[in-house]
């Protein structure tokens, strides 16, 4: 959670700390008392993006997309694709890549009935704003 909020707010001081704490746990799924909060590599990717390490961030997002497919976690896979699209946009990557990632998020979210995730991805495609 801290990694996501650091990314959303640009808190580089927090990102540095969370990045160092998260890296040793990459490849695992994070849980709180109630539910999964997704692959730890999402935190690594978020913190790398906050620190403007664009290549590292995008490379790190490849892992949770694949991990979620392997682990049977399509909602987190769709969310990871959308977040990867937003980071690709921030990094100035080609619009075709950004749109492809977001479209994949829409398709996956629709296929599992995750209407809120699909709506967020459609909104991103329409406006270019990650909310």
N, C-alpha and C. Protein backbone atom coordinates (compact mmCIF):
# COMPACT_ATOMS: atom_id res chain seq x y z
N UNK A 1 0.81 -1.19 0.00
CA UNK A 1 0.00 0.00 0.00
C UNK A 1 0.86 1.26 0.00
N UNK A 2 1.91 1.27 0.80
CA UNK A 2 2.77 2.44 0.86
C UNK A 2 3.43 2.70 -0.49
N UNK A 3 3.78 1.63 -1.19
CA UNK A 3 4.42 1.78 -2.50
C UNK A 3 3.47 2.44 -3.48
N UNK A 4 2.21 2.01 -3.48
CA UNK A 4 1.22 2.59 -4.39
C UNK A 4 1.01 4.06 -4.06
N UNK A 5 0.86 4.37 -2.79
CA UNK A 5 0.63 5.76 -2.40
C UNK A 5 1.86 6.63 -2.69
N UNK A 6 3.04 6.08 -2.51
CA UNK A 6 4.26 6.83 -2.86
C UNK A 6 4.25 7.15 -4.34
N UNK A 7 3.86 6.19 -5.17
CA UNK A 7 3.79 6.42 -6.62
C UNK A 7 2.76 7.47 -6.95
N UNK A 8 1.58 7.35 -6.35
CA UNK A 8 0.50 8.30 -6.65
C UNK A 8 0.83 9.72 -6.20
N UNK A 9 1.61 9.85 -5.14
CA UNK A 9 1.89 11.19 -4.60
C UNK A 9 3.29 11.69 -4.93
N UNK A 10 4.15 10.82 -5.46
CA UNK A 10 5.51 11.23 -5.78
C UNK A 10 6.42 11.31 -4.58
N UNK A 11 6.11 10.59 -3.51
CA UNK A 11 6.89 10.63 -2.27
C UNK A 11 8.16 9.79 -2.41
N UNK A 12 9.21 10.40 -2.94
CA UNK A 12 10.44 9.65 -3.20
C UNK A 12 11.13 9.17 -1.93
N UNK A 13 11.00 9.91 -0.84
CA UNK A 13 11.64 9.49 0.41
C UNK A 13 11.05 8.17 0.91
N UNK A 14 9.73 8.05 0.82
CA UNK A 14 9.06 6.81 1.21
C UNK A 14 9.38 5.70 0.21
N UNK A 15 9.40 6.05 -1.07
CA UNK A 15 9.66 5.06 -2.11
C UNK A 15 11.02 4.39 -1.93
N UNK A 16 12.03 5.16 -1.58
CA UNK A 16 13.37 4.59 -1.36
C UNK A 16 13.33 3.50 -0.29
N UNK A 17 12.67 3.80 0.82
CA UNK A 17 12.60 2.86 1.95
C UNK A 17 11.80 1.63 1.57
N UNK A 18 10.61 1.85 1.01
CA UNK A 18 9.74 0.72 0.66
C UNK A 18 10.38 -0.15 -0.42
N UNK A 19 11.08 0.48 -1.36
CA UNK A 19 11.75 -0.28 -2.41
C UNK A 19 12.76 -1.26 -1.80
N UNK A 20 13.60 -0.75 -0.93
CA UNK A 20 14.63 -1.60 -0.30
C UNK A 20 14.00 -2.71 0.53
N UNK A 21 12.88 -2.41 1.19
CA UNK A 21 12.21 -3.42 2.02
C UNK A 21 11.46 -4.45 1.18
N UNK A 22 11.02 -4.08 -0.02
CA UNK A 22 10.20 -4.96 -0.85
C UNK A 22 11.01 -5.92 -1.71
N UNK A 23 12.15 -5.48 -2.20
CA UNK A 23 12.94 -6.28 -3.14
C UNK A 23 13.20 -7.71 -2.64
N UNK A 24 13.57 -7.91 -1.37
CA UNK A 24 13.83 -9.30 -0.93
C UNK A 24 12.60 -10.21 -1.00
N UNK A 25 11.40 -9.63 -1.08
CA UNK A 25 10.18 -10.43 -1.09
C UNK A 25 9.55 -10.53 -2.48
N UNK A 26 10.23 -10.01 -3.49
CA UNK A 26 9.73 -10.10 -4.86
C UNK A 26 9.52 -11.56 -5.22
N UNK A 27 8.47 -11.83 -5.95
CA UNK A 27 8.14 -13.21 -6.30
C UNK A 27 7.14 -13.84 -5.35
N UNK A 28 6.71 -13.07 -4.37
CA UNK A 28 5.71 -13.54 -3.41
C UNK A 28 4.45 -12.69 -3.53
N UNK A 29 3.40 -13.18 -2.93
CA UNK A 29 2.15 -12.44 -2.88
C UNK A 29 2.01 -11.83 -1.49
N UNK A 30 1.61 -10.59 -1.43
CA UNK A 30 1.43 -9.90 -0.14
C UNK A 30 -0.01 -10.07 0.33
N UNK A 31 -0.17 -10.26 1.62
CA UNK A 31 -1.49 -10.44 2.22
C UNK A 31 -1.60 -9.57 3.46
N UNK A 32 -2.80 -9.11 3.73
CA UNK A 32 -3.07 -8.52 5.03
C UNK A 32 -4.01 -9.47 5.76
N UNK A 33 -4.62 -9.04 6.81
CA UNK A 33 -5.45 -9.95 7.60
C UNK A 33 -6.70 -10.43 6.86
N UNK A 34 -7.10 -9.71 5.82
CA UNK A 34 -8.35 -10.04 5.16
C UNK A 34 -8.22 -10.60 3.75
N UNK A 35 -7.20 -10.14 3.01
CA UNK A 35 -7.16 -10.51 1.59
C UNK A 35 -5.77 -10.28 1.00
N UNK A 36 -5.63 -10.72 -0.23
CA UNK A 36 -4.41 -10.47 -0.98
C UNK A 36 -4.33 -8.99 -1.35
N UNK A 37 -3.14 -8.44 -1.29
CA UNK A 37 -2.92 -7.09 -1.80
C UNK A 37 -2.02 -7.13 -3.02
N UNK A 38 -1.92 -8.33 -3.62
CA UNK A 38 -1.23 -8.49 -4.89
C UNK A 38 0.23 -8.89 -4.77
N UNK A 39 0.84 -9.10 -5.92
CA UNK A 39 2.25 -9.49 -5.96
C UNK A 39 3.16 -8.39 -5.40
N UNK A 40 4.15 -8.80 -4.65
CA UNK A 40 5.10 -7.84 -4.08
C UNK A 40 5.82 -7.07 -5.18
N UNK A 41 6.02 -7.69 -6.33
CA UNK A 41 6.70 -6.98 -7.43
C UNK A 41 5.94 -5.73 -7.87
N UNK A 42 4.65 -5.66 -7.63
CA UNK A 42 3.92 -4.41 -7.91
C UNK A 42 4.49 -3.29 -7.06
N UNK A 43 4.80 -3.59 -5.80
CA UNK A 43 5.39 -2.57 -4.92
C UNK A 43 6.75 -2.15 -5.44
N UNK A 44 7.53 -3.12 -5.88
CA UNK A 44 8.86 -2.81 -6.43
C UNK A 44 8.71 -1.94 -7.67
N UNK A 45 7.75 -2.27 -8.53
CA UNK A 45 7.51 -1.49 -9.74
C UNK A 45 7.03 -0.08 -9.40
N UNK A 46 6.10 0.03 -8.45
CA UNK A 46 5.60 1.36 -8.05
C UNK A 46 6.72 2.24 -7.51
N UNK A 47 7.56 1.66 -6.66
CA UNK A 47 8.63 2.48 -6.08
C UNK A 47 9.67 2.85 -7.13
N UNK A 48 9.97 1.94 -8.04
CA UNK A 48 10.90 2.28 -9.13
C UNK A 48 10.34 3.41 -9.98
N UNK A 49 9.03 3.38 -10.24
CA UNK A 49 8.41 4.47 -11.01
C UNK A 49 8.45 5.78 -10.23
N UNK A 50 8.21 5.72 -8.94
CA UNK A 50 8.26 6.93 -8.12
C UNK A 50 9.65 7.57 -8.19
N UNK A 51 10.65 6.71 -8.24
CA UNK A 51 12.04 7.18 -8.30
C UNK A 51 12.49 7.47 -9.73
N UNK A 52 11.54 7.40 -10.67
CA UNK A 52 11.77 7.68 -12.09
C UNK A 52 12.79 6.74 -12.72
N UNK A 53 12.83 5.54 -12.23
CA UNK A 53 13.65 4.47 -12.82
C UNK A 53 12.73 3.71 -13.78
N UNK A 54 12.43 4.37 -14.89
CA UNK A 54 11.39 3.90 -15.79
C UNK A 54 11.62 2.49 -16.31
N UNK A 55 12.82 2.21 -16.79
CA UNK A 55 13.09 0.86 -17.33
C UNK A 55 12.91 -0.21 -16.26
N UNK A 56 13.42 0.07 -15.07
CA UNK A 56 13.26 -0.89 -13.97
C UNK A 56 11.78 -1.09 -13.64
N UNK A 57 11.04 0.01 -13.59
CA UNK A 57 9.62 -0.08 -13.25
C UNK A 57 8.86 -0.92 -14.26
N UNK A 58 9.09 -0.67 -15.53
CA UNK A 58 8.38 -1.43 -16.56
C UNK A 58 8.81 -2.89 -16.57
N UNK A 59 10.09 -3.14 -16.37
CA UNK A 59 10.56 -4.53 -16.28
C UNK A 59 9.91 -5.23 -15.09
N UNK A 60 9.80 -4.53 -13.96
CA UNK A 60 9.20 -5.13 -12.77
C UNK A 60 7.72 -5.42 -12.96
N UNK A 61 7.01 -4.61 -13.75
CA UNK A 61 5.59 -4.87 -13.98
C UNK A 61 5.36 -6.12 -14.82
N UNK A 62 6.33 -6.51 -15.63
CA UNK A 62 6.17 -7.76 -16.39
C UNK A 62 5.96 -8.94 -15.45
N UNK A 63 6.66 -8.94 -14.34
CA UNK A 63 6.59 -10.07 -13.40
C UNK A 63 5.20 -10.24 -12.77
N UNK A 64 4.58 -9.20 -12.18
CA UNK A 64 3.27 -9.45 -11.59
C UNK A 64 2.20 -9.83 -12.61
N UNK A 65 2.33 -9.34 -13.83
CA UNK A 65 1.38 -9.74 -14.87
C UNK A 65 1.49 -11.25 -15.08
N UNK A 66 2.72 -11.75 -15.21
CA UNK A 66 2.94 -13.19 -15.40
C UNK A 66 2.59 -13.98 -14.13
N UNK A 67 3.01 -13.46 -12.97
CA UNK A 67 2.73 -14.17 -11.71
C UNK A 67 1.23 -14.32 -11.49
N UNK A 68 0.49 -13.28 -11.75
CA UNK A 68 -0.96 -13.35 -11.54
C UNK A 68 -1.61 -14.37 -12.47
N UNK A 69 -1.10 -14.47 -13.69
CA UNK A 69 -1.62 -15.49 -14.60
C UNK A 69 -1.33 -16.89 -14.05
N UNK A 70 -0.12 -17.09 -13.57
CA UNK A 70 0.28 -18.39 -13.02
C UNK A 70 -0.48 -18.71 -11.74
N UNK A 71 -0.65 -17.72 -10.88
CA UNK A 71 -1.27 -17.93 -9.58
C UNK A 71 -2.80 -17.94 -9.64
N UNK A 72 -3.38 -17.69 -10.80
CA UNK A 72 -4.84 -17.66 -10.92
C UNK A 72 -5.46 -16.44 -10.26
N UNK A 73 -4.83 -15.28 -10.46
CA UNK A 73 -5.30 -14.03 -9.85
C UNK A 73 -5.61 -13.00 -10.94
N UNK A 74 -6.62 -13.28 -11.80
CA UNK A 74 -6.88 -12.36 -12.91
C UNK A 74 -7.26 -10.93 -12.49
N UNK A 75 -7.94 -10.70 -11.36
CA UNK A 75 -8.20 -9.30 -11.00
C UNK A 75 -6.89 -8.51 -10.80
N UNK A 76 -5.92 -9.11 -10.11
CA UNK A 76 -4.64 -8.43 -9.90
C UNK A 76 -3.86 -8.33 -11.21
N UNK A 77 -4.05 -9.27 -12.09
CA UNK A 77 -3.38 -9.20 -13.39
C UNK A 77 -3.92 -8.00 -14.18
N UNK A 78 -5.23 -7.81 -14.18
CA UNK A 78 -5.82 -6.67 -14.87
C UNK A 78 -5.35 -5.35 -14.26
N UNK A 79 -5.32 -5.29 -12.93
CA UNK A 79 -4.86 -4.08 -12.25
C UNK A 79 -3.39 -3.81 -12.59
N UNK A 80 -2.58 -4.85 -12.60
CA UNK A 80 -1.16 -4.69 -12.92
C UNK A 80 -0.98 -4.18 -14.35
N UNK A 81 -1.78 -4.69 -15.29
CA UNK A 81 -1.70 -4.21 -16.67
C UNK A 81 -2.05 -2.73 -16.76
N UNK A 82 -3.10 -2.32 -16.05
CA UNK A 82 -3.49 -0.91 -16.07
C UNK A 82 -2.42 -0.03 -15.45
N UNK A 83 -1.88 -0.46 -14.31
CA UNK A 83 -0.82 0.33 -13.68
C UNK A 83 0.43 0.38 -14.57
N UNK A 84 0.73 -0.71 -15.25
CA UNK A 84 1.86 -0.72 -16.17
C UNK A 84 1.62 0.27 -17.31
N UNK A 85 0.39 0.35 -17.79
CA UNK A 85 0.05 1.32 -18.84
C UNK A 85 0.28 2.74 -18.34
N UNK A 86 -0.13 3.01 -17.11
CA UNK A 86 0.04 4.35 -16.55
C UNK A 86 1.52 4.71 -16.40
N UNK A 87 2.32 3.74 -15.96
CA UNK A 87 3.76 3.98 -15.82
C UNK A 87 4.41 4.16 -17.20
N UNK A 88 3.99 3.36 -18.16
CA UNK A 88 4.52 3.51 -19.52
C UNK A 88 4.21 4.90 -20.06
N UNK A 89 3.02 5.38 -19.77
CA UNK A 89 2.65 6.75 -20.18
C UNK A 89 3.54 7.78 -19.48
N UNK A 90 3.72 7.63 -18.17
CA UNK A 90 4.58 8.55 -17.42
C UNK A 90 6.00 8.55 -17.97
N UNK A 91 6.45 7.38 -18.40
CA UNK A 91 7.82 7.22 -18.89
C UNK A 91 7.99 7.72 -20.32
N UNK A 92 6.89 8.14 -20.93
CA UNK A 92 6.97 8.66 -22.30
C UNK A 92 7.08 7.58 -23.36
N UNK A 93 6.62 6.38 -23.04
CA UNK A 93 6.66 5.29 -24.01
C UNK A 93 5.62 5.54 -25.11
N UNK A 94 5.75 4.85 -26.24
CA UNK A 94 4.81 5.07 -27.35
C UNK A 94 3.35 4.86 -26.95
N UNK A 95 2.49 5.69 -27.49
CA UNK A 95 1.06 5.62 -27.17
C UNK A 95 0.49 4.25 -27.51
N UNK A 96 0.99 3.61 -28.56
CA UNK A 96 0.48 2.29 -28.95
C UNK A 96 0.72 1.27 -27.84
N UNK A 97 1.86 1.33 -27.16
CA UNK A 97 2.14 0.43 -26.05
C UNK A 97 1.20 0.71 -24.89
N UNK A 98 1.04 1.97 -24.54
CA UNK A 98 0.16 2.37 -23.44
C UNK A 98 -1.26 1.88 -23.71
N UNK A 99 -1.73 2.12 -24.92
CA UNK A 99 -3.09 1.72 -25.27
C UNK A 99 -3.25 0.20 -25.28
N UNK A 100 -2.24 -0.51 -25.76
CA UNK A 100 -2.31 -1.98 -25.77
C UNK A 100 -2.41 -2.54 -24.36
N UNK A 101 -1.59 -2.02 -23.45
CA UNK A 101 -1.63 -2.50 -22.06
C UNK A 101 -2.99 -2.23 -21.43
N UNK A 102 -3.51 -1.02 -21.62
CA UNK A 102 -4.81 -0.68 -21.04
C UNK A 102 -5.93 -1.50 -21.68
N UNK A 103 -5.85 -1.73 -22.98
CA UNK A 103 -6.87 -2.54 -23.66
C UNK A 103 -6.83 -3.98 -23.15
N UNK A 104 -5.65 -4.51 -22.90
CA UNK A 104 -5.53 -5.85 -22.32
C UNK A 104 -6.17 -5.89 -20.93
N UNK A 105 -6.00 -4.81 -20.16
CA UNK A 105 -6.62 -4.74 -18.83
C UNK A 105 -8.15 -4.75 -18.96
N UNK A 106 -8.68 -3.99 -19.92
CA UNK A 106 -10.13 -3.96 -20.14
C UNK A 106 -10.63 -5.35 -20.51
N UNK A 107 -9.96 -5.98 -21.47
CA UNK A 107 -10.38 -7.29 -21.95
C UNK A 107 -10.38 -8.33 -20.82
N UNK A 108 -9.31 -8.36 -20.06
CA UNK A 108 -9.21 -9.33 -18.97
C UNK A 108 -10.27 -9.04 -17.90
N UNK A 109 -10.41 -7.78 -17.51
CA UNK A 109 -11.39 -7.43 -16.49
C UNK A 109 -12.81 -7.78 -16.95
N UNK A 110 -13.12 -7.48 -18.21
CA UNK A 110 -14.44 -7.83 -18.74
C UNK A 110 -14.66 -9.34 -18.73
N UNK A 111 -13.62 -10.10 -19.06
CA UNK A 111 -13.77 -11.55 -19.16
C UNK A 111 -14.06 -12.22 -17.82
N UNK A 112 -13.72 -11.55 -16.72
CA UNK A 112 -13.98 -12.14 -15.40
C UNK A 112 -15.09 -11.41 -14.65
N UNK A 113 -15.70 -10.43 -15.31
CA UNK A 113 -16.79 -9.69 -14.68
C UNK A 113 -16.33 -8.67 -13.65
N UNK A 114 -15.09 -8.23 -13.75
CA UNK A 114 -14.57 -7.21 -12.84
C UNK A 114 -14.90 -5.83 -13.41
N UNK A 115 -16.15 -5.44 -13.23
CA UNK A 115 -16.66 -4.23 -13.89
C UNK A 115 -15.96 -2.95 -13.42
N UNK A 116 -15.60 -2.87 -12.15
CA UNK A 116 -14.93 -1.65 -11.67
C UNK A 116 -13.54 -1.52 -12.29
N UNK A 117 -12.80 -2.62 -12.37
CA UNK A 117 -11.46 -2.58 -12.98
C UNK A 117 -11.58 -2.26 -14.47
N UNK A 118 -12.55 -2.85 -15.14
CA UNK A 118 -12.75 -2.57 -16.56
C UNK A 118 -13.11 -1.10 -16.77
N UNK A 119 -13.96 -0.55 -15.91
CA UNK A 119 -14.35 0.86 -16.04
C UNK A 119 -13.15 1.78 -15.83
N UNK A 120 -12.28 1.47 -14.86
CA UNK A 120 -11.08 2.29 -14.65
C UNK A 120 -10.18 2.25 -15.86
N UNK A 121 -10.01 1.07 -16.45
CA UNK A 121 -9.14 0.95 -17.62
C UNK A 121 -9.76 1.66 -18.82
N UNK A 122 -11.07 1.56 -19.00
CA UNK A 122 -11.74 2.29 -20.09
C UNK A 122 -11.59 3.80 -19.89
N UNK A 123 -11.73 4.24 -18.66
CA UNK A 123 -11.57 5.66 -18.36
C UNK A 123 -10.16 6.12 -18.70
N UNK A 124 -9.18 5.31 -18.36
CA UNK A 124 -7.78 5.64 -18.69
C UNK A 124 -7.60 5.72 -20.20
N UNK A 125 -8.17 4.77 -20.94
CA UNK A 125 -8.07 4.80 -22.40
C UNK A 125 -8.72 6.05 -22.98
N UNK A 126 -9.85 6.43 -22.42
CA UNK A 126 -10.59 7.59 -22.91
C UNK A 126 -9.93 8.93 -22.56
N UNK A 127 -9.42 9.02 -21.32
CA UNK A 127 -8.92 10.32 -20.83
C UNK A 127 -7.40 10.42 -20.75
N UNK A 128 -6.74 9.26 -20.64
CA UNK A 128 -5.30 9.29 -20.43
C UNK A 128 -4.92 9.60 -18.99
N UNK A 129 -5.92 9.61 -18.10
CA UNK A 129 -5.68 9.91 -16.69
C UNK A 129 -5.86 8.65 -15.86
N UNK A 130 -4.90 8.38 -15.00
CA UNK A 130 -4.98 7.23 -14.10
C UNK A 130 -5.63 7.70 -12.82
N UNK A 131 -6.78 7.10 -12.50
CA UNK A 131 -7.49 7.48 -11.27
C UNK A 131 -7.79 6.27 -10.45
